[in-house]
Amino acid sequence: MIRLATVNDAVQLDILNSEFNGKGEASLENIKESLLNNHQEVIIVADENGILVGFVCIQLKKSFCYDKYMPEITELYVKLEHRKKGLASAMITFAEDYCSKKYSFHKYELLTGKNNLIAQSVYNKLGYKDDGKIHLSKRIKN
């Protein structure tokens, strides 16, 4: 079943996030807090009989420069043994439908690795195309 995440999913999301992004990237407390209070993010999960096997995160970017939101898919993960079942596509489609009903916007955005050809294939099948923009980042030493 594809559905919105709830605070009750925090422990399982912590495990999935550790698999995806590495251990220690987010504390369980932060995940719970985000699920309860981060209204700029929509989290969709793939739930198979009470066990989470994937998630997708949508950031709802908003700027005074634009009248509409700019939703961005920022994270997408499906456990290895559950891939190639259409779960990633189903979660993205669910997220798009949910956001389309709730927010005013004119396009979705996403960021993926230039060498992540498998993910790019999924995104292309769903209508996402390279828009020619370059994404830059800068690490800050703490």
N, C-alpha and C. Protein backbone atom coordinates (compact mmCIF):
# COMPACT_ATOMS: atom_id res chain seq x y z
N MET A 1 0.84 -1.16 0.00
CA MET A 1 0.00 0.00 0.00
C MET A 1 0.89 1.24 0.00
N ILE A 2 0.54 2.19 -0.79
CA ILE A 2 1.23 3.48 -0.84
C ILE A 2 0.39 4.47 -0.05
N ARG A 3 1.05 5.20 0.87
CA ARG A 3 0.30 6.11 1.75
C ARG A 3 1.22 7.20 2.28
N LEU A 4 0.59 8.19 2.92
CA LEU A 4 1.35 9.22 3.63
C LEU A 4 2.01 8.62 4.86
N ALA A 5 3.20 9.08 5.17
CA ALA A 5 3.88 8.64 6.39
C ALA A 5 3.24 9.32 7.60
N THR A 6 3.31 8.65 8.74
CA THR A 6 2.85 9.21 10.01
C THR A 6 3.98 9.11 11.02
N VAL A 7 3.81 9.73 12.16
CA VAL A 7 4.83 9.67 13.21
C VAL A 7 5.06 8.23 13.67
N ASN A 8 4.06 7.38 13.52
CA ASN A 8 4.21 5.97 13.89
C ASN A 8 5.20 5.23 12.99
N ASP A 9 5.57 5.84 11.86
CA ASP A 9 6.52 5.23 10.93
C ASP A 9 7.97 5.62 11.24
N ALA A 10 8.19 6.44 12.25
CA ALA A 10 9.51 7.02 12.50
C ALA A 10 10.61 5.97 12.64
N VAL A 11 10.38 4.94 13.42
CA VAL A 11 11.42 3.92 13.66
C VAL A 11 11.79 3.23 12.35
N GLN A 12 10.79 2.85 11.57
CA GLN A 12 11.09 2.18 10.30
C GLN A 12 11.72 3.13 9.29
N LEU A 13 11.30 4.40 9.29
CA LEU A 13 11.93 5.37 8.40
C LEU A 13 13.38 5.62 8.79
N ASP A 14 13.67 5.56 10.08
CA ASP A 14 15.04 5.70 10.56
C ASP A 14 15.91 4.57 9.98
N ILE A 15 15.39 3.37 10.00
CA ILE A 15 16.13 2.22 9.46
C ILE A 15 16.34 2.38 7.95
N LEU A 16 15.28 2.73 7.22
CA LEU A 16 15.38 2.90 5.77
C LEU A 16 16.35 4.03 5.43
N ASN A 17 16.26 5.15 6.16
CA ASN A 17 17.15 6.27 5.89
C ASN A 17 18.60 5.91 6.14
N SER A 18 18.85 5.11 7.17
CA SER A 18 20.22 4.66 7.45
C SER A 18 20.75 3.79 6.31
N GLU A 19 19.88 2.96 5.74
CA GLU A 19 20.28 2.13 4.60
C GLU A 19 20.59 3.01 3.39
N PHE A 20 19.80 4.05 3.21
CA PHE A 20 19.89 4.89 2.02
C PHE A 20 20.98 5.95 2.13
N ASN A 21 20.96 6.71 3.20
CA ASN A 21 21.85 7.86 3.36
C ASN A 21 23.02 7.63 4.30
N GLY A 22 23.01 6.51 5.00
CA GLY A 22 24.08 6.22 5.94
C GLY A 22 23.64 6.46 7.38
N LYS A 23 24.18 5.68 8.25
CA LYS A 23 23.84 5.76 9.67
C LYS A 23 24.26 7.11 10.23
N GLY A 24 23.41 7.67 11.06
CA GLY A 24 23.74 8.91 11.74
C GLY A 24 23.41 10.18 11.00
N GLU A 25 22.82 10.09 9.82
CA GLU A 25 22.46 11.30 9.08
C GLU A 25 21.29 12.04 9.73
N ALA A 26 20.41 11.29 10.39
CA ALA A 26 19.27 11.91 11.08
C ALA A 26 18.95 11.08 12.31
N SER A 27 18.70 11.75 13.41
CA SER A 27 18.35 11.04 14.63
C SER A 27 16.87 10.64 14.59
N LEU A 28 16.54 9.63 15.36
CA LEU A 28 15.14 9.21 15.46
C LEU A 28 14.28 10.36 15.97
N GLU A 29 14.80 11.13 16.91
CA GLU A 29 14.05 12.27 17.45
C GLU A 29 13.77 13.30 16.36
N ASN A 30 14.77 13.54 15.50
CA ASN A 30 14.59 14.50 14.41
C ASN A 30 13.55 13.99 13.40
N ILE A 31 13.58 12.71 13.13
CA ILE A 31 12.60 12.13 12.20
C ILE A 31 11.19 12.29 12.76
N LYS A 32 11.00 11.98 14.04
CA LYS A 32 9.69 12.16 14.67
C LYS A 32 9.24 13.62 14.61
N GLU A 33 10.15 14.52 14.96
CA GLU A 33 9.85 15.95 14.94
C GLU A 33 9.45 16.41 13.53
N SER A 34 10.18 15.93 12.54
CA SER A 34 9.88 16.31 11.17
C SER A 34 8.51 15.78 10.73
N LEU A 35 8.22 14.54 11.08
CA LEU A 35 6.92 13.97 10.71
C LEU A 35 5.77 14.73 11.36
N LEU A 36 5.99 15.25 12.55
CA LEU A 36 4.95 15.99 13.26
C LEU A 36 4.82 17.44 12.82
N ASN A 37 5.95 18.09 12.52
CA ASN A 37 5.92 19.55 12.40
C ASN A 37 6.48 20.14 11.12
N ASN A 38 7.10 19.36 10.26
CA ASN A 38 7.66 19.93 9.03
C ASN A 38 6.58 19.98 7.96
N HIS A 39 5.96 21.14 7.81
CA HIS A 39 4.86 21.29 6.85
C HIS A 39 5.36 21.64 5.45
N GLN A 40 6.68 21.68 5.28
CA GLN A 40 7.25 21.93 3.96
C GLN A 40 7.68 20.63 3.29
N GLU A 41 7.36 19.50 3.92
CA GLU A 41 7.76 18.22 3.36
C GLU A 41 6.58 17.24 3.40
N VAL A 42 6.44 16.51 2.32
CA VAL A 42 5.46 15.43 2.23
C VAL A 42 6.26 14.14 2.10
N ILE A 43 5.96 13.17 2.96
CA ILE A 43 6.66 11.89 2.91
C ILE A 43 5.65 10.80 2.60
N ILE A 44 5.95 10.06 1.55
CA ILE A 44 5.10 8.96 1.10
C ILE A 44 5.87 7.67 1.35
N VAL A 45 5.18 6.63 1.80
CA VAL A 45 5.83 5.35 2.06
C VAL A 45 5.16 4.22 1.29
N ALA A 46 5.94 3.19 1.03
CA ALA A 46 5.43 1.92 0.51
C ALA A 46 5.38 0.98 1.70
N ASP A 47 4.19 0.54 2.03
CA ASP A 47 3.93 -0.28 3.22
C ASP A 47 3.43 -1.64 2.76
N GLU A 48 4.19 -2.68 3.09
CA GLU A 48 3.77 -4.05 2.77
C GLU A 48 3.49 -4.79 4.06
N ASN A 49 2.21 -4.88 4.38
CA ASN A 49 1.74 -5.58 5.59
C ASN A 49 2.39 -5.04 6.87
N GLY A 50 2.44 -3.71 6.97
CA GLY A 50 2.97 -3.08 8.18
C GLY A 50 4.47 -2.89 8.18
N ILE A 51 5.16 -3.33 7.13
CA ILE A 51 6.61 -3.15 7.02
C ILE A 51 6.88 -2.14 5.91
N LEU A 52 7.61 -1.07 6.24
CA LEU A 52 7.95 -0.08 5.22
C LEU A 52 9.10 -0.60 4.37
N VAL A 53 8.92 -0.51 3.05
CA VAL A 53 9.95 -0.99 2.12
C VAL A 53 10.47 0.12 1.22
N GLY A 54 9.94 1.33 1.39
CA GLY A 54 10.42 2.44 0.59
C GLY A 54 9.79 3.74 1.03
N PHE A 55 10.39 4.84 0.57
CA PHE A 55 9.85 6.16 0.85
C PHE A 55 10.25 7.14 -0.24
N VAL A 56 9.48 8.20 -0.37
CA VAL A 56 9.80 9.33 -1.23
C VAL A 56 9.50 10.60 -0.44
N CYS A 57 10.38 11.59 -0.56
CA CYS A 57 10.22 12.87 0.13
C CYS A 57 10.04 13.97 -0.91
N ILE A 58 9.04 14.82 -0.67
CA ILE A 58 8.78 15.97 -1.53
C ILE A 58 8.95 17.22 -0.67
N GLN A 59 9.85 18.10 -1.07
CA GLN A 59 10.01 19.39 -0.41
C GLN A 59 9.12 20.39 -1.13
N LEU A 60 8.37 21.16 -0.37
CA LEU A 60 7.48 22.17 -0.93
C LEU A 60 8.19 23.52 -0.86
N LYS A 61 8.98 23.80 -1.88
CA LYS A 61 9.72 25.05 -1.91
C LYS A 61 8.78 26.20 -2.25
N LYS A 62 8.97 27.33 -1.57
CA LYS A 62 8.13 28.50 -1.81
C LYS A 62 8.99 29.74 -1.71
N SER A 63 8.86 30.61 -2.68
CA SER A 63 9.61 31.86 -2.72
C SER A 63 8.66 33.01 -3.03
N PHE A 64 8.98 34.19 -2.51
CA PHE A 64 8.17 35.36 -2.85
C PHE A 64 8.25 35.67 -4.34
N CYS A 65 9.27 35.16 -5.02
CA CYS A 65 9.48 35.43 -6.44
C CYS A 65 8.45 34.74 -7.33
N TYR A 66 7.74 33.77 -6.79
CA TYR A 66 6.79 33.00 -7.58
C TYR A 66 5.48 32.86 -6.81
N ASP A 67 4.39 32.91 -7.53
CA ASP A 67 3.08 32.75 -6.89
C ASP A 67 2.82 31.32 -6.44
N LYS A 68 3.47 30.37 -7.09
CA LYS A 68 3.16 28.97 -6.84
C LYS A 68 4.30 28.25 -6.15
N TYR A 69 3.97 27.11 -5.54
CA TYR A 69 4.98 26.24 -4.95
C TYR A 69 5.81 25.59 -6.05
N MET A 70 6.99 25.10 -5.66
CA MET A 70 7.85 24.34 -6.55
C MET A 70 8.20 23.04 -5.83
N PRO A 71 7.31 22.03 -5.92
CA PRO A 71 7.63 20.77 -5.23
C PRO A 71 8.83 20.07 -5.86
N GLU A 72 9.70 19.57 -4.99
CA GLU A 72 10.90 18.89 -5.46
C GLU A 72 11.02 17.53 -4.78
N ILE A 73 11.18 16.50 -5.59
CA ILE A 73 11.46 15.17 -5.06
C ILE A 73 12.92 15.19 -4.62
N THR A 74 13.14 15.04 -3.32
CA THR A 74 14.50 15.14 -2.80
C THR A 74 15.10 13.80 -2.40
N GLU A 75 14.27 12.84 -2.08
CA GLU A 75 14.75 11.53 -1.66
C GLU A 75 13.81 10.47 -2.21
N LEU A 76 14.37 9.36 -2.66
CA LEU A 76 13.57 8.22 -3.10
C LEU A 76 14.38 6.97 -2.82
N TYR A 77 13.77 6.06 -2.08
CA TYR A 77 14.47 4.82 -1.73
C TYR A 77 13.49 3.66 -1.68
N VAL A 78 13.89 2.55 -2.27
CA VAL A 78 13.17 1.29 -2.17
C VAL A 78 14.18 0.23 -1.81
N LYS A 79 13.86 -0.58 -0.80
CA LYS A 79 14.77 -1.66 -0.38
C LYS A 79 15.09 -2.55 -1.59
N LEU A 80 16.33 -2.98 -1.66
CA LEU A 80 16.83 -3.74 -2.81
C LEU A 80 15.91 -4.90 -3.19
N GLU A 81 15.48 -5.69 -2.20
CA GLU A 81 14.68 -6.88 -2.50
C GLU A 81 13.25 -6.54 -2.95
N HIS A 82 12.87 -5.26 -2.92
CA HIS A 82 11.53 -4.85 -3.34
C HIS A 82 11.55 -4.00 -4.61
N ARG A 83 12.70 -3.89 -5.23
CA ARG A 83 12.81 -3.10 -6.46
C ARG A 83 12.26 -3.89 -7.64
N LYS A 84 12.01 -3.15 -8.71
CA LYS A 84 11.47 -3.70 -9.96
C LYS A 84 10.06 -4.24 -9.80
N LYS A 85 9.33 -3.68 -8.83
CA LYS A 85 7.93 -4.02 -8.62
C LYS A 85 7.02 -2.82 -8.89
N GLY A 86 7.61 -1.71 -9.32
CA GLY A 86 6.83 -0.50 -9.59
C GLY A 86 6.57 0.37 -8.37
N LEU A 87 7.22 0.08 -7.25
CA LEU A 87 6.96 0.85 -6.03
C LEU A 87 7.44 2.29 -6.14
N ALA A 88 8.60 2.52 -6.74
CA ALA A 88 9.10 3.89 -6.89
C ALA A 88 8.12 4.71 -7.72
N SER A 89 7.69 4.16 -8.84
CA SER A 89 6.71 4.86 -9.69
C SER A 89 5.40 5.09 -8.96
N ALA A 90 4.95 4.10 -8.21
CA ALA A 90 3.69 4.22 -7.48
C ALA A 90 3.79 5.31 -6.41
N MET A 91 4.91 5.38 -5.71
CA MET A 91 5.07 6.41 -4.68
C MET A 91 5.14 7.80 -5.30
N ILE A 92 5.86 7.94 -6.41
CA ILE A 92 5.93 9.24 -7.08
C ILE A 92 4.56 9.66 -7.58
N THR A 93 3.85 8.75 -8.21
CA THR A 93 2.51 9.06 -8.72
C THR A 93 1.57 9.46 -7.59
N PHE A 94 1.62 8.73 -6.46
CA PHE A 94 0.82 9.07 -5.29
C PHE A 94 1.18 10.48 -4.81
N ALA A 95 2.48 10.76 -4.71
CA ALA A 95 2.94 12.07 -4.25
C ALA A 95 2.46 13.18 -5.19
N GLU A 96 2.57 12.95 -6.49
CA GLU A 96 2.12 13.94 -7.46
C GLU A 96 0.62 14.20 -7.32
N ASP A 97 -0.16 13.14 -7.20
CA ASP A 97 -1.61 13.29 -7.04
C ASP A 97 -1.94 14.04 -5.76
N TYR A 98 -1.30 13.66 -4.67
CA TYR A 98 -1.55 14.30 -3.38
C TYR A 98 -1.21 15.79 -3.45
N CYS A 99 -0.03 16.12 -3.95
CA CYS A 99 0.40 17.52 -4.02
C CYS A 99 -0.47 18.32 -4.97
N SER A 100 -0.89 17.72 -6.08
CA SER A 100 -1.73 18.42 -7.06
C SER A 100 -3.07 18.82 -6.46
N LYS A 101 -3.59 18.04 -5.55
CA LYS A 101 -4.88 18.34 -4.91
C LYS A 101 -4.74 19.38 -3.81
N LYS A 102 -3.55 19.49 -3.24
CA LYS A 102 -3.36 20.34 -2.06
C LYS A 102 -2.65 21.66 -2.32
N TYR A 103 -1.83 21.75 -3.36
CA TYR A 103 -1.00 22.92 -3.58
C TYR A 103 -1.09 23.41 -5.01
N SER A 104 -0.86 24.70 -5.19
CA SER A 104 -0.85 25.30 -6.52
C SER A 104 0.60 25.36 -7.01
N PHE A 105 0.86 24.75 -8.17
CA PHE A 105 2.20 24.77 -8.76
C PHE A 105 2.09 24.42 -10.24
N HIS A 106 3.18 24.60 -10.96
CA HIS A 106 3.14 24.31 -12.40
C HIS A 106 4.13 23.24 -12.84
N LYS A 107 5.01 22.79 -11.95
CA LYS A 107 5.92 21.72 -12.33
C LYS A 107 6.52 21.08 -11.08
N TYR A 108 7.00 19.86 -11.25
CA TYR A 108 7.77 19.16 -10.22
C TYR A 108 9.24 19.24 -10.60
N GLU A 109 10.09 19.19 -9.60
CA GLU A 109 11.52 19.15 -9.85
C GLU A 109 12.09 17.96 -9.10
N LEU A 110 13.27 17.51 -9.53
CA LEU A 110 13.97 16.48 -8.77
C LEU A 110 15.44 16.56 -9.09
N LEU A 111 16.22 15.99 -8.20
CA LEU A 111 17.66 15.94 -8.34
C LEU A 111 18.08 14.50 -8.21
N THR A 112 18.88 14.03 -9.14
CA THR A 112 19.42 12.67 -9.05
C THR A 112 20.85 12.67 -9.57
N GLY A 113 21.57 11.64 -9.25
CA GLY A 113 22.95 11.54 -9.71
C GLY A 113 23.04 11.36 -11.21
N LYS A 114 24.03 12.00 -11.84
CA LYS A 114 24.15 11.89 -13.29
C LYS A 114 24.48 10.47 -13.73
N ASN A 115 25.04 9.67 -12.82
CA ASN A 115 25.36 8.27 -13.14
C ASN A 115 24.31 7.29 -12.64
N ASN A 116 23.25 7.79 -12.02
CA ASN A 116 22.19 6.93 -11.50
C ASN A 116 21.19 6.65 -12.62
N LEU A 117 21.61 5.83 -13.57
CA LEU A 117 20.81 5.58 -14.77
C LEU A 117 19.52 4.83 -14.49
N ILE A 118 19.52 3.97 -13.48
CA ILE A 118 18.30 3.23 -13.15
C ILE A 118 17.22 4.20 -12.67
N ALA A 119 17.59 5.11 -11.76
CA ALA A 119 16.62 6.10 -11.28
C ALA A 119 16.17 7.01 -12.43
N GLN A 120 17.11 7.42 -13.26
CA GLN A 120 16.76 8.28 -14.38
C GLN A 120 15.75 7.60 -15.30
N SER A 121 15.89 6.30 -15.48
CA SER A 121 14.95 5.55 -16.31
C SER A 121 13.54 5.61 -15.73
N VAL A 122 13.44 5.43 -14.42
CA VAL A 122 12.14 5.52 -13.74
C VAL A 122 11.56 6.91 -13.92
N TYR A 123 12.37 7.93 -13.67
CA TYR A 123 11.89 9.31 -13.78
C TYR A 123 11.47 9.64 -15.21
N ASN A 124 12.26 9.20 -16.19
CA ASN A 124 11.91 9.47 -17.58
C ASN A 124 10.57 8.84 -17.96
N LYS A 125 10.33 7.62 -17.50
CA LYS A 125 9.06 6.94 -17.79
C LYS A 125 7.87 7.70 -17.20
N LEU A 126 8.13 8.46 -16.13
CA LEU A 126 7.07 9.24 -15.49
C LEU A 126 6.97 10.66 -16.05
N GLY A 127 7.78 10.96 -17.08
CA GLY A 127 7.69 12.26 -17.75
C GLY A 127 8.70 13.29 -17.31
N TYR A 128 9.62 12.95 -16.43
CA TYR A 128 10.65 13.88 -16.00
C TYR A 128 11.77 13.93 -17.04
N LYS A 129 12.20 15.14 -17.37
CA LYS A 129 13.24 15.32 -18.39
C LYS A 129 14.33 16.24 -17.86
N ASP A 130 15.53 16.07 -18.39
CA ASP A 130 16.65 16.94 -18.07
C ASP A 130 16.31 18.34 -18.59
N ASP A 131 16.33 19.33 -17.70
CA ASP A 131 15.98 20.69 -18.12
C ASP A 131 17.21 21.53 -18.44
N GLY A 132 18.38 20.90 -18.43
CA GLY A 132 19.59 21.60 -18.81
C GLY A 132 20.20 22.47 -17.72
N LYS A 133 19.59 22.50 -16.55
CA LYS A 133 20.14 23.30 -15.45
C LYS A 133 21.26 22.53 -14.78
N ILE A 134 22.16 23.25 -14.18
CA ILE A 134 23.27 22.65 -13.45
C ILE A 134 23.03 22.85 -11.97
N HIS A 135 23.14 21.79 -11.22
CA HIS A 135 22.97 21.85 -9.76
C HIS A 135 24.35 21.95 -9.13
N LEU A 136 24.55 22.93 -8.28
CA LEU A 136 25.81 23.12 -7.59
C LEU A 136 25.58 23.00 -6.09
N SER A 137 26.59 22.58 -5.37
CA SER A 137 26.48 22.52 -3.91
C SER A 137 27.81 22.89 -3.30
N LYS A 138 27.78 23.23 -2.03
CA LYS A 138 28.99 23.61 -1.30
C LYS A 138 28.89 23.05 0.10
N ARG A 139 29.87 22.28 0.49
CA ARG A 139 29.93 21.72 1.84
C ARG A 139 30.49 22.77 2.80
N ILE A 140 29.92 22.84 3.97
CA ILE A 140 30.36 23.76 5.00
C ILE A 140 31.00 22.93 6.12
N LYS A 141 32.19 23.31 6.53
CA LYS A 141 32.86 22.61 7.64
C LYS A 141 32.26 23.08 8.95
N ASN A 142 31.90 22.13 9.79
CA ASN A 142 31.34 22.47 11.10
C ASN A 142 32.40 22.42 12.16
